[in-house]
Amino acid sequence: MINLKSITIKNINEKLYQEFKAEAVRRGMRISDAINEAIAEWIRKRKYERTKPKKDKLWDIINNPMDLGVETDASKVDEELYGEE
């Protein structure tokens, strides 16, 4: 059985609350159900962020390629390193 508690929340952004309430109404939800769902999702997200595995450098390169596949002209570098051909 779920225990329900009545609470008062202070210092809520009024515009944000009105948007939240309007979305709950559009979905046919009571505001209390929408808030419970939002709290549960917030907790799930924070737990995931704490427990997700850390990415390694190779993973970063795979997911965020840096100019992969872009051809460059390295002839100036070759000239400086090896002299003119």
C-alpha atoms as a PDB file:
ATOM      1  CA  MET A   1       0.000   0.000   0.000  1.00  0.00           C
ATOM      2  CA  ILE A   2       1.285   3.456  -0.889  1.00  0.00           C
ATOM      3  CA  ASN A   3       1.194   6.092   1.811  1.00  0.00           C
ATOM      4  CA  LEU A   4      -0.007   9.483   0.598  1.00  0.00           C
ATOM      5  CA  LYS A   5       1.028  12.743   2.204  1.00  0.00           C
ATOM      6  CA  SER A   6      -0.356  16.256   1.848  1.00  0.00           C
ATOM      7  CA  ILE A   7       2.386  18.855   1.506  1.00  0.00           C
ATOM      8  CA  THR A   8       2.864  22.535   0.785  1.00  0.00           C
ATOM      9  CA  ILE A   9       5.611  23.532  -1.622  1.00  0.00           C
ATOM     10  CA  LYS A  10       6.961  27.079  -1.489  1.00  0.00           C
ATOM     11  CA  ASN A  11       8.884  29.105  -4.053  1.00  0.00           C
ATOM     12  CA  ILE A  12       7.656  27.309  -7.173  1.00  0.00           C
ATOM     13  CA  ASN A  13       8.077  29.171 -10.469  1.00  0.00           C
ATOM     14  CA  GLU A  14       4.483  30.168 -11.277  1.00  0.00           C
ATOM     15  CA  LYS A  15       4.848  30.032 -15.065  1.00  0.00           C
ATOM     16  CA  LEU A  16       6.512  26.621 -14.895  1.00  0.00           C
ATOM     17  CA  TYR A  17       3.791  25.349 -12.567  1.00  0.00           C
ATOM     18  CA  GLN A  18       1.031  26.633 -14.872  1.00  0.00           C
ATOM     19  CA  GLU A  19       2.627  24.869 -17.868  1.00  0.00           C
ATOM     20  CA  PHE A  20       3.004  21.692 -15.829  1.00  0.00           C
ATOM     21  CA  LYS A  21      -0.610  21.856 -14.661  1.00  0.00           C
ATOM     22  CA  ALA A  22      -1.897  22.528 -18.197  1.00  0.00           C
ATOM     23  CA  GLU A  23      -0.004  19.502 -19.521  1.00  0.00           C
ATOM     24  CA  ALA A  24      -1.426  17.317 -16.755  1.00  0.00           C
ATOM     25  CA  VAL A  25      -4.948  18.491 -17.664  1.00  0.00           C
ATOM     26  CA  ARG A  26      -4.312  17.780 -21.383  1.00  0.00           C
ATOM     27  CA  ARG A  27      -3.345  14.251 -20.411  1.00  0.00           C
ATOM     28  CA  GLY A  28      -6.369  13.839 -18.164  1.00  0.00           C
ATOM     29  CA  MET A  29      -4.238  13.542 -15.036  1.00  0.00           C
ATOM     30  CA  ARG A  30      -4.676  14.954 -11.571  1.00  0.00           C
ATOM     31  CA  ILE A  31      -1.898  17.367 -10.704  1.00  0.00           C
ATOM     32  CA  SER A  32      -0.877  15.150  -7.774  1.00  0.00           C
ATOM     33  CA  ASP A  33      -0.448  12.154 -10.100  1.00  0.00           C
ATOM     34  CA  ALA A  34       1.608  14.246 -12.528  1.00  0.00           C
ATOM     35  CA  ILE A  35       3.833  15.499  -9.697  1.00  0.00           C
ATOM     36  CA  ASN A  36       4.338  11.952  -8.378  1.00  0.00           C
ATOM     37  CA  GLU A  37       5.293  10.825 -11.894  1.00  0.00           C
ATOM     38  CA  ALA A  38       7.715  13.755 -12.280  1.00  0.00           C
ATOM     39  CA  ILE A  39       9.340  13.054  -8.914  1.00  0.00           C
ATOM     40  CA  ALA A  40       9.733   9.359  -9.738  1.00  0.00           C
ATOM     41  CA  GLU A  41      11.314  10.197 -13.111  1.00  0.00           C
ATOM     42  CA  TRP A  42      13.667  12.731 -11.499  1.00  0.00           C
ATOM     43  CA  ILE A  43      14.811  10.096  -8.991  1.00  0.00           C
ATOM     44  CA  ARG A  44      15.302   7.454 -11.737  1.00  0.00           C
ATOM     45  CA  LYS A  45      17.385   9.895 -13.786  1.00  0.00           C
ATOM     46  CA  ARG A  46      19.608  10.847 -10.847  1.00  0.00           C
ATOM     47  CA  LYS A  47      20.161   7.200  -9.871  1.00  0.00           C
ATOM     48  CA  TYR A  48      21.113   6.362 -13.458  1.00  0.00           C
ATOM     49  CA  GLU A  49      23.566   9.275 -13.614  1.00  0.00           C
ATOM     50  CA  ARG A  50      25.227   8.039 -10.417  1.00  0.00           C
ATOM     51  CA  THR A  51      25.516   4.436 -11.554  1.00  0.00           C
ATOM     52  CA  LYS A  52      26.124   4.658 -15.305  1.00  0.00           C
ATOM     53  CA  PRO A  53      29.535   3.416 -16.387  1.00  0.00           C
ATOM     54  CA  LYS A  54      32.152   6.028 -17.157  1.00  0.00           C
ATOM     55  CA  LYS A  55      33.016   6.369 -20.833  1.00  0.00           C
ATOM     56  CA  ASP A  56      36.545   5.811 -21.973  1.00  0.00           C
ATOM     57  CA  LYS A  57      38.406   7.898 -24.530  1.00  0.00           C
ATOM     58  CA  LEU A  58      37.735   5.466 -27.394  1.00  0.00           C
ATOM     59  CA  TRP A  59      33.999   5.612 -26.665  1.00  0.00           C
ATOM     60  CA  ASP A  60      34.128   9.427 -26.819  1.00  0.00           C
ATOM     61  CA  ILE A  61      35.853   9.304 -30.206  1.00  0.00           C
ATOM     62  CA  ILE A  62      33.320   6.822 -31.579  1.00  0.00           C
ATOM     63  CA  ASN A  63      30.349   8.887 -30.392  1.00  0.00           C
ATOM     64  CA  ASN A  64      31.887  12.290 -31.146  1.00  0.00           C
ATOM     65  CA  PRO A  65      34.164  11.835 -34.126  1.00  0.00           C
ATOM     66  CA  MET A  66      36.555  14.714 -34.683  1.00  0.00           C
ATOM     67  CA  ASP A  67      36.806  15.394 -38.411  1.00  0.00           C
ATOM     68  CA  LEU A  68      36.951  11.697 -39.206  1.00  0.00           C
ATOM     69  CA  GLY A  69      36.936  11.162 -42.941  1.00  0.00           C
ATOM     70  CA  VAL A  70      38.117  14.672 -43.751  1.00  0.00           C
ATOM     71  CA  GLU A  71      41.183  14.778 -45.944  1.00  0.00           C
ATOM     72  CA  THR A  72      43.869  17.306 -45.113  1.00  0.00           C
ATOM     73  CA  ASP A  73      46.948  18.495 -46.944  1.00  0.00           C
ATOM     74  CA  ALA A  74      49.969  17.526 -44.879  1.00  0.00           C
ATOM     75  CA  SER A  75      52.502  18.452 -47.548  1.00  0.00           C
ATOM     76  CA  LYS A  76      53.642  21.555 -45.616  1.00  0.00           C
ATOM     77  CA  VAL A  77      54.296  19.433 -42.543  1.00  0.00           C
ATOM     78  CA  ASP A  78      56.172  16.876 -44.657  1.00  0.00           C
ATOM     79  CA  GLU A  79      58.302  19.647 -46.186  1.00  0.00           C
ATOM     80  CA  GLU A  80      59.264  20.943 -42.755  1.00  0.00           C
ATOM     81  CA  LEU A  81      60.036  17.489 -41.383  1.00  0.00           C
ATOM     82  CA  TYR A  82      61.666  15.849 -44.359  1.00  0.00           C
ATOM     83  CA  GLY A  83      62.674  18.723 -46.629  1.00  0.00           C
ATOM     84  CA  GLU A  84      61.457  19.334 -50.143  1.00  0.00           C
ATOM     85  CA  GLU A  85      61.093  16.362 -52.446  1.00  0.00           C
END
